[in-house]
Amino acid sequence: MDESNIHADRSWVVGIDAGGTRIRARLADAAGGPALGEGAGGPGNALSVAPAALARHLTDALADALREALPEGGGRYVRAVVAGFAGGGEGVGRERALAALARALDAVGAAPGAVEVYGDAEVAFAAGPGAPADGLVLIAGTGAAAARVERRRALRVVDGDGWLLGDAGSGYWLGREAVRAVLRALDGRGPGTALAGPVGELCGGPGKEALLRYAYEGHPVRLAALSPLVAGAAAAGDGPARELLDRAGAELCATVRALGPRPGEPLVVTGGLVGPDGPLLGRLVEGVREWGLVPVPVPDGVAGAVALARLAGSLDGASP
């Protein structure tokens, strides 16, 4: 990007959305306007990614975002940085996120006056229209969680309990249930399903042995890679696949209901399953209508992180 296109005072902010699959960083002018640079890095869950790897992934994303705007020395113009981390909203996760972010900022030569760490749900909520401060947010991608946000901080979180104990209705949940449906079809406990072909192909073979090996030999979360196969089979008319999507949608609606929704309050939703064009978005829209809610899908939380960074770096020093 030509340097002449950068705001004359070179007062920048960076917003970061660090999710379980990847990290996205966006450089923007502190005063507003479009992105000046974008960057990406590896997984960013503050609890499950090793500290050194987390810092490295953040450094990659930050370096890419700054490089687009100014190849050398761009970090010194960054006034504020806000990052939202999966697993980083509080406690040990927040401490790890702050430490990794400090290492990454040092690596790219940035020493912003304001650095804030949020949970991924908080920056996702701020990505809603007008960067709202109060309301509900639902994330449904590899994992699933919802939160009530007040004054830009999560007051209460529902689910987000991980692949073993929770994340109901998530990509992992759908992938696991897809394997179960195919196993039941293979041994006669359940109906035949068109999922058998694509699931077997991805797992390395059509038989039970290949399915079990795929499920047990790798990290369980990789089952989330099967969730698009469920959506594809459902779109082609497969009954068991449609039933799985119905169940996943019902689980996500139950997660939202547990937050005590109030008619008309904002409900921002994101993640591969309920974001724009997500396969469960329509089911969610129908399911929450009775509570007076209208979901607003956003692609991810990076725009919310930028909005919060602009607040953190404002000239009057007001915090978000």
Protein backbone atom coordinates (compact mmCIF):
# COMPACT_ATOMS: atom_id res chain seq x y z
CA MET A 1 0.00 0.00 0.00
CA ASP A 2 1.39 3.41 -0.98
CA GLU A 3 2.55 5.38 2.05
CA SER A 4 0.80 8.50 0.74
CA ASN A 5 -2.50 6.77 1.40
CA ILE A 6 -1.81 6.58 5.14
CA HIS A 7 -3.33 9.25 7.40
CA ALA A 8 -0.81 12.10 7.75
CA ASP A 9 -0.34 11.81 11.53
CA ARG A 10 0.13 8.05 11.30
CA SER A 11 -1.86 7.38 14.42
CA TRP A 12 -2.97 3.79 14.10
CA VAL A 13 -4.84 1.13 16.04
CA VAL A 14 -4.79 -2.65 15.73
CA GLY A 15 -7.68 -5.01 16.36
CA ILE A 16 -7.04 -8.73 16.81
CA ASP A 17 -9.49 -11.63 16.79
CA ALA A 18 -7.66 -14.69 18.13
CA GLY A 19 -9.87 -17.72 17.64
CA GLY A 20 -9.36 -21.42 18.06
CA THR A 21 -8.53 -21.93 14.37
CA ARG A 22 -6.64 -18.77 13.42
CA ILE A 23 -5.70 -15.23 14.41
CA ARG A 24 -6.72 -12.20 12.37
CA ALA A 25 -5.18 -8.76 12.85
CA ARG A 26 -6.34 -5.50 11.28
CA LEU A 27 -4.51 -2.18 11.16
CA ALA A 28 -6.66 0.95 10.88
CA ASP A 29 -6.44 4.69 11.35
CA ALA A 30 -7.31 5.74 14.88
CA ALA A 31 -9.73 8.33 13.52
CA GLY A 32 -11.76 5.90 11.41
CA GLY A 33 -11.90 4.64 7.87
CA PRO A 34 -11.15 1.33 6.15
CA ALA A 35 -8.45 -1.17 7.01
CA LEU A 36 -4.87 -0.20 6.20
CA GLY A 37 -3.53 -3.73 6.58
CA GLU A 38 -4.61 -7.26 7.35
CA GLY A 39 -2.66 -10.18 8.75
CA ALA A 40 -3.28 -13.76 9.82
CA GLY A 41 -1.61 -16.32 12.04
CA GLY A 42 -2.17 -19.76 13.50
CA PRO A 43 -4.54 -20.77 16.30
CA GLY A 44 -5.07 -18.27 19.11
CA ASN A 45 -6.84 -20.01 21.98
CA ALA A 46 -5.08 -18.67 25.06
CA LEU A 47 -5.71 -21.82 27.08
CA SER A 48 -4.96 -24.58 24.57
CA VAL A 49 -2.11 -23.09 22.50
CA ALA A 50 1.37 -23.25 24.03
CA PRO A 51 2.62 -19.79 25.10
CA ALA A 52 5.56 -19.71 22.67
CA ALA A 53 3.35 -20.78 19.77
CA LEU A 54 0.69 -18.25 20.72
CA ALA A 55 3.24 -15.42 20.72
CA ARG A 56 4.59 -16.60 17.37
CA HIS A 57 1.13 -16.74 15.78
CA LEU A 58 0.36 -13.24 17.07
CA THR A 59 3.66 -11.95 15.74
CA ASP A 60 2.92 -13.38 12.29
CA ALA A 61 -0.49 -11.71 12.17
CA LEU A 62 0.77 -8.35 13.45
CA ALA A 63 3.78 -8.30 11.12
CA ASP A 64 1.60 -8.98 8.09
CA ALA A 65 -0.90 -6.27 9.03
CA LEU A 66 1.82 -3.66 9.57
CA ARG A 67 3.79 -4.68 6.48
CA GLU A 68 0.87 -3.84 4.19
CA ALA A 69 0.86 -0.25 5.44
CA LEU A 70 4.54 0.45 5.92
CA PRO A 71 7.23 -2.15 5.21
CA GLU A 72 9.66 -0.96 7.87
CA GLY A 73 9.03 0.43 11.32
CA GLY A 74 5.25 0.66 11.20
CA GLY A 75 4.84 -0.57 14.77
CA ARG A 76 5.96 2.72 16.27
CA TYR A 77 2.83 4.46 14.99
CA VAL A 78 0.40 2.11 16.77
CA ARG A 79 -1.46 3.95 19.53
CA ALA A 80 -3.74 1.21 20.81
CA VAL A 81 -4.19 -2.54 20.45
CA VAL A 82 -7.24 -4.55 21.43
CA ALA A 83 -7.25 -8.33 21.14
CA GLY A 84 -10.06 -10.76 21.76
CA PHE A 85 -8.93 -14.30 22.61
CA ALA A 86 -10.77 -17.57 22.73
CA GLY A 87 -10.12 -18.73 26.27
CA GLY A 88 -8.66 -15.34 27.19
CA GLY A 89 -11.49 -13.47 28.83
CA GLU A 90 -10.37 -13.97 32.43
CA GLY A 91 -8.08 -15.80 34.83
CA VAL A 92 -5.14 -17.81 33.55
CA GLY A 93 -6.25 -17.43 29.95
CA ARG A 94 -6.19 -13.66 30.21
CA GLU A 95 -2.73 -13.73 31.81
CA ARG A 96 -1.39 -15.93 29.02
CA ALA A 97 -2.99 -13.75 26.37
CA LEU A 98 -1.47 -10.57 27.80
CA ALA A 99 1.99 -12.15 28.04
CA ALA A 100 1.91 -13.49 24.50
CA LEU A 101 0.60 -10.22 23.13
CA ALA A 102 3.37 -8.27 24.89
CA ARG A 103 5.98 -10.55 23.30
CA ALA A 104 4.43 -10.15 19.86
CA LEU A 105 4.19 -6.36 20.11
CA ASP A 106 7.84 -6.19 21.13
CA ALA A 107 8.78 -8.40 18.19
CA VAL A 108 7.19 -6.00 15.68
CA GLY A 109 8.52 -2.88 17.37
CA ALA A 110 5.20 -1.62 18.70
CA ALA A 111 4.78 0.04 22.11
CA PRO A 112 1.17 1.27 22.15
CA GLY A 113 -0.07 3.43 24.99
CA ALA A 114 -3.18 1.29 25.39
CA VAL A 115 -3.33 -2.51 25.26
CA GLU A 116 -6.57 -4.30 26.14
CA VAL A 117 -7.43 -8.00 26.17
CA TYR A 118 -11.00 -9.26 25.85
CA GLY A 119 -12.65 -12.60 25.33
CA ASP A 120 -13.52 -13.55 21.76
CA ALA A 121 -17.24 -13.16 22.52
CA GLU A 122 -16.72 -9.55 23.61
CA VAL A 123 -14.97 -8.45 20.43
CA ALA A 124 -17.48 -10.41 18.35
CA PHE A 125 -20.32 -8.51 20.03
CA ALA A 126 -18.59 -5.17 19.40
CA ALA A 127 -18.51 -6.08 15.68
CA GLY A 128 -22.28 -5.58 15.58
CA PRO A 129 -23.80 -2.45 14.04
CA GLY A 130 -22.70 0.65 15.92
CA ALA A 131 -20.33 -1.32 18.18
CA PRO A 132 -23.02 -1.99 20.82
CA ALA A 133 -22.12 -2.03 24.51
CA ASP A 134 -24.96 -4.19 25.90
CA GLY A 135 -26.77 -7.28 24.63
CA LEU A 136 -26.20 -10.90 23.65
CA VAL A 137 -23.62 -12.65 21.49
CA LEU A 138 -23.46 -16.21 20.16
CA ILE A 139 -20.39 -17.83 18.63
CA ALA A 140 -20.85 -21.14 16.81
CA GLY A 141 -17.88 -22.38 14.85
CA THR A 142 -15.49 -25.12 15.91
CA GLY A 143 -16.83 -24.56 19.44
CA ALA A 144 -19.95 -22.82 20.70
CA ALA A 145 -20.68 -20.31 23.46
CA ALA A 146 -22.98 -17.38 24.18
CA ALA A 147 -22.63 -14.43 26.52
CA ARG A 148 -24.55 -11.53 27.96
CA VAL A 149 -22.45 -8.40 27.51
CA GLU A 150 -22.81 -5.30 29.65
CA ARG A 151 -20.59 -2.25 29.28
CA ARG A 152 -18.58 -4.18 26.69
CA ARG A 153 -17.62 -6.98 29.09
CA ALA A 154 -19.17 -10.45 29.34
CA LEU A 155 -21.31 -10.53 32.45
CA ARG A 156 -22.34 -14.17 32.02
CA VAL A 157 -21.21 -16.94 29.67
CA VAL A 158 -23.17 -20.05 28.72
CA ASP A 159 -21.41 -23.16 27.37
CA GLY A 160 -18.00 -22.79 25.76
CA ASP A 161 -17.15 -25.84 27.88
CA GLY A 162 -14.99 -27.52 25.25
CA TRP A 163 -15.22 -30.63 23.14
CA LEU A 164 -15.46 -33.10 26.02
CA LEU A 165 -18.12 -31.44 28.18
CA GLY A 166 -19.92 -28.89 26.05
CA ASP A 167 -19.88 -26.77 22.87
CA ALA A 168 -23.36 -28.07 22.06
CA GLY A 169 -24.40 -27.36 18.48
CA SER A 170 -20.85 -26.50 17.39
CA GLY A 171 -18.85 -27.71 14.41
CA TYR A 172 -17.17 -30.30 16.63
CA TRP A 173 -20.55 -31.43 17.96
CA LEU A 174 -21.90 -31.81 14.41
CA GLY A 175 -18.84 -33.72 13.26
CA ARG A 176 -19.02 -36.12 16.19
CA GLU A 177 -22.72 -36.72 15.63
CA ALA A 178 -22.06 -37.30 11.91
CA VAL A 179 -19.59 -40.08 12.73
CA ARG A 180 -22.08 -41.56 15.19
CA ALA A 181 -24.82 -41.51 12.55
CA VAL A 182 -22.60 -43.30 10.04
CA LEU A 183 -21.51 -45.90 12.61
CA ARG A 184 -25.13 -46.59 13.52
CA ALA A 185 -26.02 -46.94 9.85
CA LEU A 186 -23.13 -49.37 9.27
CA ASP A 187 -24.12 -51.77 12.02
CA GLY A 188 -27.88 -51.46 11.55
CA ARG A 189 -28.78 -49.47 14.66
CA GLY A 190 -29.78 -46.45 12.61
CA PRO A 191 -31.10 -45.49 9.18
CA GLY A 192 -28.90 -45.32 6.12
CA THR A 193 -27.45 -41.91 5.41
CA ALA A 194 -25.78 -40.16 2.50
CA LEU A 195 -23.18 -39.02 5.03
CA ALA A 196 -21.50 -42.42 4.82
CA GLY A 197 -19.72 -41.64 1.54
CA PRO A 198 -18.21 -38.20 2.24
CA VAL A 199 -17.53 -38.93 5.92
CA GLY A 200 -15.80 -42.18 5.03
CA GLU A 201 -13.73 -40.44 2.35
CA LEU A 202 -12.51 -37.75 4.72
CA CYS A 203 -11.79 -40.30 7.46
CA GLY A 204 -9.71 -42.48 5.15
CA GLY A 205 -12.11 -45.28 4.33
CA PRO A 206 -15.76 -46.32 4.31
CA GLY A 207 -15.56 -48.90 7.08
CA LYS A 208 -15.91 -48.76 10.85
CA GLU A 209 -12.18 -49.19 11.46
CA ALA A 210 -11.28 -46.08 9.47
CA LEU A 211 -13.94 -44.01 11.21
CA LEU A 212 -12.79 -45.03 14.67
CA ARG A 213 -9.14 -44.46 13.80
CA TYR A 214 -9.90 -40.94 12.55
CA ALA A 215 -11.95 -40.16 15.64
CA TYR A 216 -9.51 -41.49 18.22
CA GLU A 217 -6.01 -41.06 16.80
CA GLY A 218 -6.07 -37.28 16.30
CA HIS A 219 -7.17 -34.40 18.47
CA PRO A 220 -10.95 -34.68 18.95
CA VAL A 221 -11.55 -31.14 17.71
CA ARG A 222 -10.59 -32.20 14.19
CA LEU A 223 -14.04 -33.79 13.98
CA ALA A 224 -15.26 -30.24 13.29
CA ALA A 225 -13.89 -30.68 9.76
CA LEU A 226 -16.83 -33.02 9.13
CA SER A 227 -19.50 -30.39 9.85
CA PRO A 228 -19.61 -28.99 6.28
CA LEU A 229 -20.38 -32.51 5.09
CA VAL A 230 -23.50 -32.51 7.25
CA ALA A 231 -24.67 -29.23 5.74
CA GLY A 232 -23.99 -30.56 2.23
CA ALA A 233 -25.87 -33.80 2.79
CA ALA A 234 -28.80 -31.96 4.34
CA ALA A 235 -28.99 -29.61 1.35
CA ALA A 236 -29.11 -32.68 -0.90
CA GLY A 237 -32.10 -34.02 1.04
CA ASP A 238 -30.56 -36.53 3.44
CA GLY A 239 -32.93 -37.05 6.38
CA PRO A 240 -30.38 -37.92 9.09
CA ALA A 241 -28.23 -34.94 8.11
CA ARG A 242 -31.24 -32.59 8.28
CA GLU A 243 -32.07 -34.00 11.70
CA LEU A 244 -28.54 -33.28 12.90
CA LEU A 245 -28.80 -29.66 11.77
CA ASP A 246 -32.18 -29.37 13.51
CA ARG A 247 -30.69 -30.71 16.73
CA ALA A 248 -27.68 -28.41 16.49
CA GLY A 249 -29.94 -25.41 15.95
CA ALA A 250 -32.04 -26.39 18.95
CA GLU A 251 -28.91 -26.68 21.11
CA LEU A 252 -27.77 -23.19 20.12
CA CYS A 253 -31.22 -21.75 20.82
CA ALA A 254 -31.16 -23.38 24.25
CA THR A 255 -27.80 -21.75 24.90
CA VAL A 256 -29.23 -18.32 24.05
CA ARG A 257 -32.37 -18.97 26.12
CA ALA A 258 -30.23 -19.65 29.20
CA LEU A 259 -29.12 -15.99 29.10
CA GLY A 260 -32.65 -14.74 29.73
CA PRO A 261 -33.14 -12.82 26.47
CA ARG A 262 -35.07 -9.55 26.51
CA PRO A 263 -37.26 -8.62 23.56
CA GLY A 264 -35.54 -6.29 21.13
CA GLU A 265 -32.05 -6.43 22.60
CA PRO A 266 -29.13 -6.96 20.22
CA LEU A 267 -28.11 -10.52 19.40
CA VAL A 268 -24.84 -10.59 17.44
CA VAL A 269 -23.90 -13.98 16.02
CA THR A 270 -20.72 -15.20 14.36
CA GLY A 271 -18.79 -18.34 13.47
CA GLY A 272 -18.97 -20.67 10.51
CA LEU A 273 -22.35 -22.10 11.50
CA VAL A 274 -24.32 -18.91 12.26
CA GLY A 275 -22.33 -16.13 10.61
CA PRO A 276 -23.37 -14.72 7.23
CA ASP A 277 -24.73 -17.61 5.11
CA GLY A 278 -24.06 -20.09 7.94
CA PRO A 279 -26.01 -23.37 7.64
CA LEU A 280 -27.65 -22.92 11.06
CA LEU A 281 -28.47 -19.22 10.76
CA GLY A 282 -31.99 -19.79 9.45
CA ARG A 283 -32.81 -22.25 12.21
CA LEU A 284 -31.48 -19.81 14.78
CA VAL A 285 -33.56 -16.95 13.35
CA GLU A 286 -36.70 -19.05 13.66
CA GLY A 287 -35.81 -20.38 17.08
CA VAL A 288 -35.20 -17.04 18.81
CA ARG A 289 -38.08 -15.17 17.19
CA GLU A 290 -40.44 -16.10 20.03
CA TRP A 291 -38.18 -14.19 22.44
CA GLY A 292 -38.30 -11.04 20.34
CA LEU A 293 -34.74 -11.40 19.04
CA VAL A 294 -33.36 -10.85 15.54
CA PRO A 295 -29.86 -12.27 15.07
CA VAL A 296 -27.33 -10.01 13.36
CA PRO A 297 -24.60 -12.12 11.73
CA VAL A 298 -21.04 -10.78 11.46
CA PRO A 299 -18.08 -12.50 9.76
CA ASP A 300 -15.80 -12.42 12.83
CA GLY A 301 -14.72 -10.21 15.72
CA VAL A 302 -11.86 -8.29 14.12
CA ALA A 303 -14.02 -5.25 13.28
CA GLY A 304 -15.19 -5.18 16.89
CA ALA A 305 -11.61 -5.32 18.13
CA VAL A 306 -10.76 -2.34 15.91
CA ALA A 307 -13.76 -0.40 17.24
CA LEU A 308 -12.67 -1.10 20.83
CA ALA A 309 -9.09 -0.14 20.00
CA ARG A 310 -10.27 3.21 18.67
CA LEU A 311 -12.09 3.81 21.95
CA ALA A 312 -9.05 2.75 23.97
CA GLY A 313 -6.77 5.03 21.97
CA SER A 314 -9.04 8.06 21.82
CA LEU A 315 -7.40 11.41 22.56
CA ASP A 316 -9.33 11.93 25.78
CA GLY A 317 -8.03 8.61 27.11
CA ALA A 318 -11.50 7.18 27.69
CA SER A 319 -11.49 3.45 28.15
CA PRO A 320 -14.05 1.29 26.34
